[in-house]
Amino acid sequence: MFDLKSVPKWDPGVVEARQVNEGPLERVGTRIQTLGKGGVDRGTVEIAEFELGRKLGLRFLVPEKSRVKQARLTYTSEPMESDETVLSR
């Protein structure tokens, strides 16, 4: 989840993702901008929750004129007895 170069592999609308503030990537408060085809800004997310290997919560920072308000997305991972991991969104 924290390899920004791989974001286009699991989000087909994104061609590039980049960190827009300083500091470590894996921390609450980090902001990530996503770009679509032609360099179109698809939006910025901020890491709102983070537990290494267990939880990643994203808060979408949207323009004031957008109808979307206070959107959040949380990923949780749960190791299984086998070598597999269940990822929930």
PDB file of N, CA and C in Angstrom:
ATOM      1  N   MET A   1       0.810  -1.199   0.000  1.00  0.00           N
ATOM      2  CA  MET A   1       0.000   0.000   0.000  1.00  0.00           C
ATOM      3  C   MET A   1       0.855   1.265   0.000  1.00  0.00           C
ATOM      4  N   PHE A   2       2.093   1.157   0.448  1.00  0.00           N
ATOM      5  CA  PHE A   2       2.923   2.357   0.551  1.00  0.00           C
ATOM      6  C   PHE A   2       3.980   2.461  -0.539  1.00  0.00           C
ATOM      7  N   ASP A   3       3.828   1.679  -1.589  1.00  0.00           N
ATOM      8  CA  ASP A   3       4.698   1.841  -2.743  1.00  0.00           C
ATOM      9  C   ASP A   3       3.919   2.689  -3.743  1.00  0.00           C
ATOM     10  N   LEU A   4       4.178   4.000  -3.738  1.00  0.00           N
ATOM     11  CA  LEU A   4       3.383   4.904  -4.569  1.00  0.00           C
ATOM     12  C   LEU A   4       3.502   4.587  -6.050  1.00  0.00           C
ATOM     13  N   LYS A   5       4.605   3.966  -6.459  1.00  0.00           N
ATOM     14  CA  LYS A   5       4.763   3.598  -7.868  1.00  0.00           C
ATOM     15  C   LYS A   5       3.784   2.500  -8.274  1.00  0.00           C
ATOM     16  N   SER A   6       3.276   1.729  -7.311  1.00  0.00           N
ATOM     17  CA  SER A   6       2.365   0.634  -7.653  1.00  0.00           C
ATOM     18  C   SER A   6       0.892   1.040  -7.593  1.00  0.00           C
ATOM     19  N   VAL A   7       0.586   2.263  -7.173  1.00  0.00           N
ATOM     20  CA  VAL A   7      -0.821   2.685  -7.080  1.00  0.00           C
ATOM     21  C   VAL A   7      -1.565   2.486  -8.403  1.00  0.00           C
ATOM     22  N   PRO A   8      -0.983   2.825  -9.575  1.00  0.00           N
ATOM     23  CA  PRO A   8      -1.713   2.599 -10.829  1.00  0.00           C
ATOM     24  C   PRO A   8      -2.061   1.132 -11.094  1.00  0.00           C
ATOM     25  N   LYS A   9      -1.369   0.195 -10.454  1.00  0.00           N
ATOM     26  CA  LYS A   9      -1.680  -1.223 -10.643  1.00  0.00           C
ATOM     27  C   LYS A   9      -3.008  -1.598 -10.000  1.00  0.00           C
ATOM     28  N   TRP A  10      -3.358  -0.976  -8.859  1.00  0.00           N
ATOM     29  CA  TRP A  10      -4.596  -1.330  -8.187  1.00  0.00           C
ATOM     30  C   TRP A  10      -5.661  -0.248  -8.271  1.00  0.00           C
ATOM     31  N   ASP A  11      -5.342   0.915  -8.863  1.00  0.00           N
ATOM     32  CA  ASP A  11      -6.337   1.956  -9.131  1.00  0.00           C
ATOM     33  C   ASP A  11      -6.174   2.379 -10.581  1.00  0.00           C
ATOM     34  N   PRO A  12      -6.955   1.788 -11.494  1.00  0.00           N
ATOM     35  CA  PRO A  12      -6.748   2.012 -12.918  1.00  0.00           C
ATOM     36  C   PRO A  12      -6.954   3.459 -13.380  1.00  0.00           C
ATOM     37  N   GLY A  13      -7.613   4.300 -12.600  1.00  0.00           N
ATOM     38  CA  GLY A  13      -7.802   5.700 -12.978  1.00  0.00           C
ATOM     39  C   GLY A  13      -6.614   6.575 -12.656  1.00  0.00           C
ATOM     40  N   VAL A  14      -5.625   6.020 -11.957  1.00  0.00           N
ATOM     41  CA  VAL A  14      -4.448   6.783 -11.535  1.00  0.00           C
ATOM     42  C   VAL A  14      -3.250   6.381 -12.388  1.00  0.00           C
ATOM     43  N   VAL A  15      -2.524   7.383 -12.893  1.00  0.00           N
ATOM     44  CA  VAL A  15      -1.286   7.088 -13.617  1.00  0.00           C
ATOM     45  C   VAL A  15      -0.062   7.450 -12.779  1.00  0.00           C
ATOM     46  N   GLU A  16      -0.260   8.284 -11.744  1.00  0.00           N
ATOM     47  CA  GLU A  16       0.854   8.656 -10.866  1.00  0.00           C
ATOM     48  C   GLU A  16       0.315   9.056  -9.500  1.00  0.00           C
ATOM     49  N   ALA A  17       1.039   8.685  -8.461  1.00  0.00           N
ATOM     50  CA  ALA A  17       0.732   9.111  -7.096  1.00  0.00           C
ATOM     51  C   ALA A  17       2.022   9.635  -6.489  1.00  0.00           C
ATOM     52  N   ARG A  18       1.926  10.775  -5.795  1.00  0.00           N
ATOM     53  CA  ARG A  18       3.139  11.347  -5.213  1.00  0.00           C
ATOM     54  C   ARG A  18       2.835  12.011  -3.875  1.00  0.00           C
ATOM     55  N   GLN A  19       3.807  11.908  -2.990  1.00  0.00           N
ATOM     56  CA  GLN A  19       3.706  12.525  -1.679  1.00  0.00           C
ATOM     57  C   GLN A  19       3.912  14.023  -1.843  1.00  0.00           C
ATOM     58  N   VAL A  20       3.052  14.828  -1.185  1.00  0.00           N
ATOM     59  CA  VAL A  20       3.128  16.278  -1.364  1.00  0.00           C
ATOM     60  C   VAL A  20       3.607  17.032  -0.127  1.00  0.00           C
ATOM     61  N   ASN A  21       3.855  16.334   0.974  1.00  0.00           N
ATOM     62  CA  ASN A  21       4.438  17.002   2.130  1.00  0.00           C
ATOM     63  C   ASN A  21       5.659  16.210   2.593  1.00  0.00           C
ATOM     64  N   GLU A  22       6.447  16.823   3.448  1.00  0.00           N
ATOM     65  CA  GLU A  22       7.696  16.195   3.886  1.00  0.00           C
ATOM     66  C   GLU A  22       7.450  15.238   5.036  1.00  0.00           C
ATOM     67  N   GLY A  23       8.441  14.411   5.288  1.00  0.00           N
ATOM     68  CA  GLY A  23       8.367  13.451   6.381  1.00  0.00           C
ATOM     69  C   GLY A  23       8.196  12.052   5.841  1.00  0.00           C
ATOM     70  N   PRO A  24       8.168  11.082   6.741  1.00  0.00           N
ATOM     71  CA  PRO A  24       8.010   9.693   6.308  1.00  0.00           C
ATOM     72  C   PRO A  24       6.641   9.462   5.674  1.00  0.00           C
ATOM     73  N   LEU A  25       6.593   8.575   4.710  1.00  0.00           N
ATOM     74  CA  LEU A  25       5.341   8.268   4.012  1.00  0.00           C
ATOM     75  C   LEU A  25       4.352   7.571   4.940  1.00  0.00           C
ATOM     76  N   GLU A  26       4.833   6.659   5.768  1.00  0.00           N
ATOM     77  CA  GLU A  26       3.961   5.832   6.603  1.00  0.00           C
ATOM     78  C   GLU A  26       3.674   6.504   7.942  1.00  0.00           C
ATOM     79  N   ARG A  27       2.888   7.604   7.903  1.00  0.00           N
ATOM     80  CA  ARG A  27       2.520   8.280   9.144  1.00  0.00           C
ATOM     81  C   ARG A  27       1.221   9.049   8.950  1.00  0.00           C
ATOM     82  N   VAL A  28       0.507   9.244  10.046  1.00  0.00           N
ATOM     83  CA  VAL A  28      -0.708  10.060  10.024  1.00  0.00           C
ATOM     84  C   VAL A  28      -0.315  11.484   9.630  1.00  0.00           C
ATOM     85  N   GLY A  29      -1.083  12.063   8.716  1.00  0.00           N
ATOM     86  CA  GLY A  29      -0.828  13.427   8.261  1.00  0.00           C
ATOM     87  C   GLY A  29      -0.154  13.517   6.907  1.00  0.00           C
ATOM     88  N   THR A  30       0.410  12.414   6.431  1.00  0.00           N
ATOM     89  CA  THR A  30       1.037  12.430   5.103  1.00  0.00           C
ATOM     90  C   THR A  30      -0.040  12.634   4.048  1.00  0.00           C
ATOM     91  N   ARG A  31       0.265  13.476   3.063  1.00  0.00           N
ATOM     92  CA  ARG A  31      -0.681  13.744   1.975  1.00  0.00           C
ATOM     93  C   ARG A  31      -0.136  13.197   0.660  1.00  0.00           C
ATOM     94  N   ILE A  32      -1.043  12.591  -0.107  1.00  0.00           N
ATOM     95  CA  ILE A  32      -0.688  11.964  -1.378  1.00  0.00           C
ATOM     96  C   ILE A  32      -1.629  12.500  -2.454  1.00  0.00           C
ATOM     97  N   GLN A  33      -1.040  13.028  -3.521  1.00  0.00           N
ATOM     98  CA  GLN A  33      -1.811  13.526  -4.655  1.00  0.00           C
ATOM     99  C   GLN A  33      -1.825  12.465  -5.737  1.00  0.00           C
ATOM    100  N   THR A  34      -2.988  12.264  -6.362  1.00  0.00           N
ATOM    101  CA  THR A  34      -3.086  11.311  -7.458  1.00  0.00           C
ATOM    102  C   THR A  34      -3.387  12.052  -8.747  1.00  0.00           C
ATOM    103  N   LEU A  35      -2.735  11.607  -9.812  1.00  0.00           N
ATOM    104  CA  LEU A  35      -2.918  12.206 -11.129  1.00  0.00           C
ATOM    105  C   LEU A  35      -3.456  11.159 -12.090  1.00  0.00           C
ATOM    106  N   GLY A  36      -4.397  11.584 -12.940  1.00  0.00           N
ATOM    107  CA  GLY A  36      -4.946  10.714 -13.969  1.00  0.00           C
ATOM    108  C   GLY A  36      -4.281  10.989 -15.305  1.00  0.00           C
ATOM    109  N   LYS A  37      -4.855  10.433 -16.352  1.00  0.00           N
ATOM    110  CA  LYS A  37      -4.315  10.617 -17.701  1.00  0.00           C
ATOM    111  C   LYS A  37      -4.240  12.103 -18.041  1.00  0.00           C
ATOM    112  N   GLY A  38      -3.166  12.476 -18.720  1.00  0.00           N
ATOM    113  CA  GLY A  38      -2.971  13.865 -19.116  1.00  0.00           C
ATOM    114  C   GLY A  38      -2.582  14.771 -17.962  1.00  0.00           C
ATOM    115  N   GLY A  39      -2.200  14.178 -16.826  1.00  0.00           N
ATOM    116  CA  GLY A  39      -1.792  14.979 -15.672  1.00  0.00           C
ATOM    117  C   GLY A  39      -2.934  15.606 -14.906  1.00  0.00           C
ATOM    118  N   VAL A  40      -4.172  15.136 -15.162  1.00  0.00           N
ATOM    119  CA  VAL A  40      -5.346  15.683 -14.484  1.00  0.00           C
ATOM    120  C   VAL A  40      -5.294  15.314 -13.002  1.00  0.00           C
ATOM    121  N   ASP A  41      -5.446  16.314 -12.136  1.00  0.00           N
ATOM    122  CA  ASP A  41      -5.439  16.100 -10.691  1.00  0.00           C
ATOM    123  C   ASP A  41      -6.702  15.353 -10.294  1.00  0.00           C
ATOM    124  N   ARG A  42      -6.535  14.155  -9.745  1.00  0.00           N
ATOM    125  CA  ARG A  42      -7.683  13.350  -9.318  1.00  0.00           C
ATOM    126  C   ARG A  42      -8.008  13.565  -7.851  1.00  0.00           C
ATOM    127  N   GLY A  43      -7.145  14.280  -7.149  1.00  0.00           N
ATOM    128  CA  GLY A  43      -7.426  14.572  -5.753  1.00  0.00           C
ATOM    129  C   GLY A  43      -6.255  14.251  -4.843  1.00  0.00           C
ATOM    130  N   THR A  44      -6.414  14.653  -3.606  1.00  0.00           N
ATOM    131  CA  THR A  44      -5.397  14.434  -2.590  1.00  0.00           C
ATOM    132  C   THR A  44      -6.027  13.708  -1.415  1.00  0.00           C
ATOM    133  N   VAL A  45      -5.305  12.739  -0.882  1.00  0.00           N
ATOM    134  CA  VAL A  45      -5.755  12.037   0.315  1.00  0.00           C
ATOM    135  C   VAL A  45      -4.741  12.276   1.428  1.00  0.00           C
ATOM    136  N   GLU A  46      -5.219  12.189   2.647  1.00  0.00           N
ATOM    137  CA  GLU A  46      -4.356  12.329   3.820  1.00  0.00           C
ATOM    138  C   GLU A  46      -4.485  11.063   4.650  1.00  0.00           C
ATOM    139  N   ILE A  47      -3.359  10.554   5.115  1.00  0.00           N
ATOM    140  CA  ILE A  47      -3.402   9.373   5.977  1.00  0.00           C
ATOM    141  C   ILE A  47      -3.981   9.790   7.323  1.00  0.00           C
ATOM    142  N   ALA A  48      -5.138   9.221   7.665  1.00  0.00           N
ATOM    143  CA  ALA A  48      -5.851   9.570   8.889  1.00  0.00           C
ATOM    144  C   ALA A  48      -5.633   8.545   9.996  1.00  0.00           C
ATOM    145  N   GLU A  49      -5.376   7.293   9.612  1.00  0.00           N
ATOM    146  CA  GLU A  49      -5.116   6.211  10.567  1.00  0.00           C
ATOM    147  C   GLU A  49      -4.013   5.348  10.003  1.00  0.00           C
ATOM    148  N   PHE A  50      -3.152   4.859  10.884  1.00  0.00           N
ATOM    149  CA  PHE A  50      -2.093   3.983  10.405  1.00  0.00           C
ATOM    150  C   PHE A  50      -1.639   3.048  11.502  1.00  0.00           C
ATOM    151  N   GLU A  51      -1.714   1.744  11.224  1.00  0.00           N
ATOM    152  CA  GLU A  51      -1.142   0.711  12.073  1.00  0.00           C
ATOM    153  C   GLU A  51      -0.364  -0.210  11.145  1.00  0.00           C
ATOM    154  N   LEU A  52       0.931  -0.245  11.285  1.00  0.00           N
ATOM    155  CA  LEU A  52       1.798  -0.999  10.390  1.00  0.00           C
ATOM    156  C   LEU A  52       1.300  -2.436  10.205  1.00  0.00           C
ATOM    157  N   GLY A  53       1.055  -2.808   8.961  1.00  0.00           N
ATOM    158  CA  GLY A  53       0.631  -4.162   8.633  1.00  0.00           C
ATOM    159  C   GLY A  53      -0.799  -4.498   8.986  1.00  0.00           C
ATOM    160  N   ARG A  54      -1.564  -3.518   9.533  1.00  0.00           N
ATOM    161  CA  ARG A  54      -2.929  -3.821   9.959  1.00  0.00           C
ATOM    162  C   ARG A  54      -3.987  -2.875   9.418  1.00  0.00           C
ATOM    163  N   LYS A  55      -3.697  -1.570   9.413  1.00  0.00           N
ATOM    164  CA  LYS A  55      -4.754  -0.624   9.056  1.00  0.00           C
ATOM    165  C   LYS A  55      -4.193   0.612   8.369  1.00  0.00           C
ATOM    166  N   LEU A  56      -4.913   1.053   7.343  1.00  0.00           N
ATOM    167  CA  LEU A  56      -4.598   2.294   6.652  1.00  0.00           C
ATOM    168  C   LEU A  56      -5.907   3.023   6.403  1.00  0.00           C
ATOM    169  N   GLY A  57      -6.062   4.176   7.020  1.00  0.00           N
ATOM    170  CA  GLY A  57      -7.263   4.995   6.846  1.00  0.00           C
ATOM    171  C   GLY A  57      -6.914   6.246   6.067  1.00  0.00           C
ATOM    172  N   LEU A  58      -7.669   6.516   5.014  1.00  0.00           N
ATOM    173  CA  LEU A  58      -7.425   7.679   4.165  1.00  0.00           C
ATOM    174  C   LEU A  58      -8.600   8.649   4.265  1.00  0.00           C
ATOM    175  N   ARG A  59      -8.298   9.925   4.352  1.00  0.00           N
ATOM    176  CA  ARG A  59      -9.313  10.979   4.342  1.00  0.00           C
ATOM    177  C   ARG A  59      -9.133  11.752   3.048  1.00  0.00           C
ATOM    178  N   PHE A  60     -10.195  11.892   2.280  1.00  0.00           N
ATOM    179  CA  PHE A  60     -10.120  12.581   1.004  1.00  0.00           C
ATOM    180  C   PHE A  60     -10.244  14.079   1.217  1.00  0.00           C
ATOM    181  N   LEU A  61      -9.282  14.818   0.706  1.00  0.00           N
ATOM    182  CA  LEU A  61      -9.301  16.275   0.784  1.00  0.00           C
ATOM    183  C   LEU A  61      -9.878  16.763  -0.542  1.00  0.00           C
ATOM    184  N   VAL A  62     -11.059  17.320  -0.501  1.00  0.00           N
ATOM    185  CA  VAL A  62     -11.763  17.686  -1.722  1.00  0.00           C
ATOM    186  C   VAL A  62     -11.911  19.196  -1.823  1.00  0.00           C
ATOM    187  N   PRO A  63     -12.011  19.701  -3.035  1.00  0.00           N
ATOM    188  CA  PRO A  63     -12.224  21.142  -3.193  1.00  0.00           C
ATOM    189  C   PRO A  63     -13.511  21.588  -2.509  1.00  0.00           C
ATOM    190  N   GLU A  64     -13.546  22.818  -2.065  1.00  0.00           N
ATOM    191  CA  GLU A  64     -14.691  23.353  -1.340  1.00  0.00           C
ATOM    192  C   GLU A  64     -15.991  23.242  -2.140  1.00  0.00           C
ATOM    193  N   LYS A  65     -15.909  23.360  -3.465  1.00  0.00           N
ATOM    194  CA  LYS A  65     -17.103  23.328  -4.309  1.00  0.00           C
ATOM    195  C   LYS A  65     -17.598  21.912  -4.594  1.00  0.00           C
ATOM    196  N   SER A  66     -16.862  20.898  -4.202  1.00  0.00           N
ATOM    197  CA  SER A  66     -17.249  19.520  -4.479  1.00  0.00           C
ATOM    198  C   SER A  66     -18.452  19.109  -3.642  1.00  0.00           C
ATOM    199  N   ARG A  67     -19.278  18.214  -4.197  1.00  0.00           N
ATOM    200  CA  ARG A  67     -20.418  17.689  -3.447  1.00  0.00           C
ATOM    201  C   ARG A  67     -19.990  16.616  -2.452  1.00  0.00           C
ATOM    202  N   VAL A  68     -18.791  16.050  -2.649  1.00  0.00           N
ATOM    203  CA  VAL A  68     -18.277  15.022  -1.741  1.00  0.00           C
ATOM    204  C   VAL A  68     -17.713  15.713  -0.505  1.00  0.00           C
ATOM    205  N   LYS A  69     -18.163  15.331   0.652  1.00  0.00           N
ATOM    206  CA  LYS A  69     -17.684  15.929   1.896  1.00  0.00           C
ATOM    207  C   LYS A  69     -17.288  14.828   2.881  1.00  0.00           C
ATOM    208  N   GLN A  70     -16.177  14.999   3.513  1.00  0.00           N
ATOM    209  CA  GLN A  70     -15.699  14.121   4.580  1.00  0.00           C
ATOM    210  C   GLN A  70     -15.652  12.652   4.177  1.00  0.00           C
ATOM    211  N   ALA A  71     -15.191  12.370   2.974  1.00  0.00           N
ATOM    212  CA  ALA A  71     -15.081  10.986   2.527  1.00  0.00           C
ATOM    213  C   ALA A  71     -13.853  10.328   3.147  1.00  0.00           C
ATOM    214  N   ARG A  72     -14.010   9.066   3.556  1.00  0.00           N
ATOM    215  CA  ARG A  72     -12.918   8.294   4.132  1.00  0.00           C
ATOM    216  C   ARG A  72     -12.932   6.893   3.544  1.00  0.00           C
ATOM    217  N   LEU A  73     -11.760   6.296   3.510  1.00  0.00           N
ATOM    218  CA  LEU A  73     -11.610   4.921   3.038  1.00  0.00           C
ATOM    219  C   LEU A  73     -10.627   4.240   3.980  1.00  0.00           C
ATOM    220  N   THR A  74     -10.985   3.060   4.468  1.00  0.00           N
ATOM    221  CA  THR A  74     -10.115   2.336   5.385  1.00  0.00           C
ATOM    222  C   THR A  74      -9.822   0.948   4.833  1.00  0.00           C
ATOM    223  N   TYR A  75      -8.542   0.593   4.832  1.00  0.00           N
ATOM    224  CA  TYR A  75      -8.095  -0.745   4.465  1.00  0.00           C
ATOM    225  C   TYR A  75      -7.626  -1.434   5.740  1.00  0.00           C
ATOM    226  N   THR A  76      -8.042  -2.677   5.941  1.00  0.00           N
ATOM    227  CA  THR A  76      -7.536  -3.464   7.054  1.00  0.00           C
ATOM    228  C   THR A  76      -7.021  -4.789   6.506  1.00  0.00           C
ATOM    229  N   SER A  77      -5.957  -5.275   7.095  1.00  0.00           N
ATOM    230  CA  SER A  77      -5.426  -6.573   6.677  1.00  0.00           C
ATOM    231  C   SER A  77      -5.435  -7.511   7.873  1.00  0.00           C
ATOM    232  N   GLU A  78      -5.739  -8.764   7.570  1.00  0.00           N
ATOM    233  CA  GLU A  78      -5.848  -9.785   8.609  1.00  0.00           C
ATOM    234  C   GLU A  78      -5.100 -11.030   8.148  1.00  0.00           C
ATOM    235  N   PRO A  79      -4.002 -11.363   8.825  1.00  0.00           N
ATOM    236  CA  PRO A  79      -3.258 -12.564   8.425  1.00  0.00           C
ATOM    237  C   PRO A  79      -4.082 -13.822   8.703  1.00  0.00           C
ATOM    238  N   MET A  80      -3.954 -14.777   7.812  1.00  0.00           N
ATOM    239  CA  MET A  80      -4.642 -16.060   7.959  1.00  0.00           C
ATOM    240  C   MET A  80      -3.622 -17.103   8.428  1.00  0.00           C
ATOM    241  N   GLU A  81      -4.101 -18.290   8.780  1.00  0.00           N
ATOM    242  CA  GLU A  81      -3.197 -19.351   9.220  1.00  0.00           C
ATOM    243  C   GLU A  81      -2.280 -19.802   8.091  1.00  0.00           C
ATOM    244  N   SER A  82      -2.772 -19.694   6.859  1.00  0.00           N
ATOM    245  CA  SER A  82      -1.924 -20.013   5.701  1.00  0.00           C
ATOM    246  C   SER A  82      -1.031 -18.784   5.460  1.00  0.00           C
ATOM    247  N   ASP A  83      -0.344 -18.758   4.343  1.00  0.00           N
ATOM    248  CA  ASP A  83       0.501 -17.616   4.009  1.00  0.00           C
ATOM    249  C   ASP A  83      -0.287 -16.474   3.369  1.00  0.00           C
ATOM    250  N   GLU A  84      -1.608 -16.534   3.446  1.00  0.00           N
ATOM    251  CA  GLU A  84      -2.445 -15.525   2.821  1.00  0.00           C
ATOM    252  C   GLU A  84      -2.843 -14.438   3.812  1.00  0.00           C
ATOM    253  N   THR A  85      -3.248 -13.287   3.261  1.00  0.00           N
ATOM    254  CA  THR A  85      -3.728 -12.174   4.053  1.00  0.00           C
ATOM    255  C   THR A  85      -5.039 -11.713   3.453  1.00  0.00           C
ATOM    256  N   VAL A  86      -6.031 -11.448   4.291  1.00  0.00           N
ATOM    257  CA  VAL A  86      -7.304 -10.905   3.838  1.00  0.00           C
ATOM    258  C   VAL A  86      -7.223  -9.391   3.936  1.00  0.00           C
ATOM    259  N   LEU A  87      -7.458  -8.718   2.809  1.00  0.00           N
ATOM    260  CA  LEU A  87      -7.470  -7.262   2.756  1.00  0.00           C
ATOM    261  C   LEU A  87      -8.906  -6.808   2.593  1.00  0.00           C
ATOM    262  N   SER A  88      -9.383  -6.012   3.530  1.00  0.00           N
ATOM    263  CA  SER A  88     -10.761  -5.501   3.474  1.00  0.00           C
ATOM    264  C   SER A  88     -10.718  -4.008   3.201  1.00  0.00           C
ATOM    265  N   ARG A  89     -11.711  -3.564   2.475  1.00  0.00           N
ATOM    266  CA  ARG A  89     -11.802  -2.146   2.132  1.00  0.00           C
ATOM    267  C   ARG A  89     -13.112  -1.618   2.599  1.00  0.00           C
TER     268      ARG A  89
END
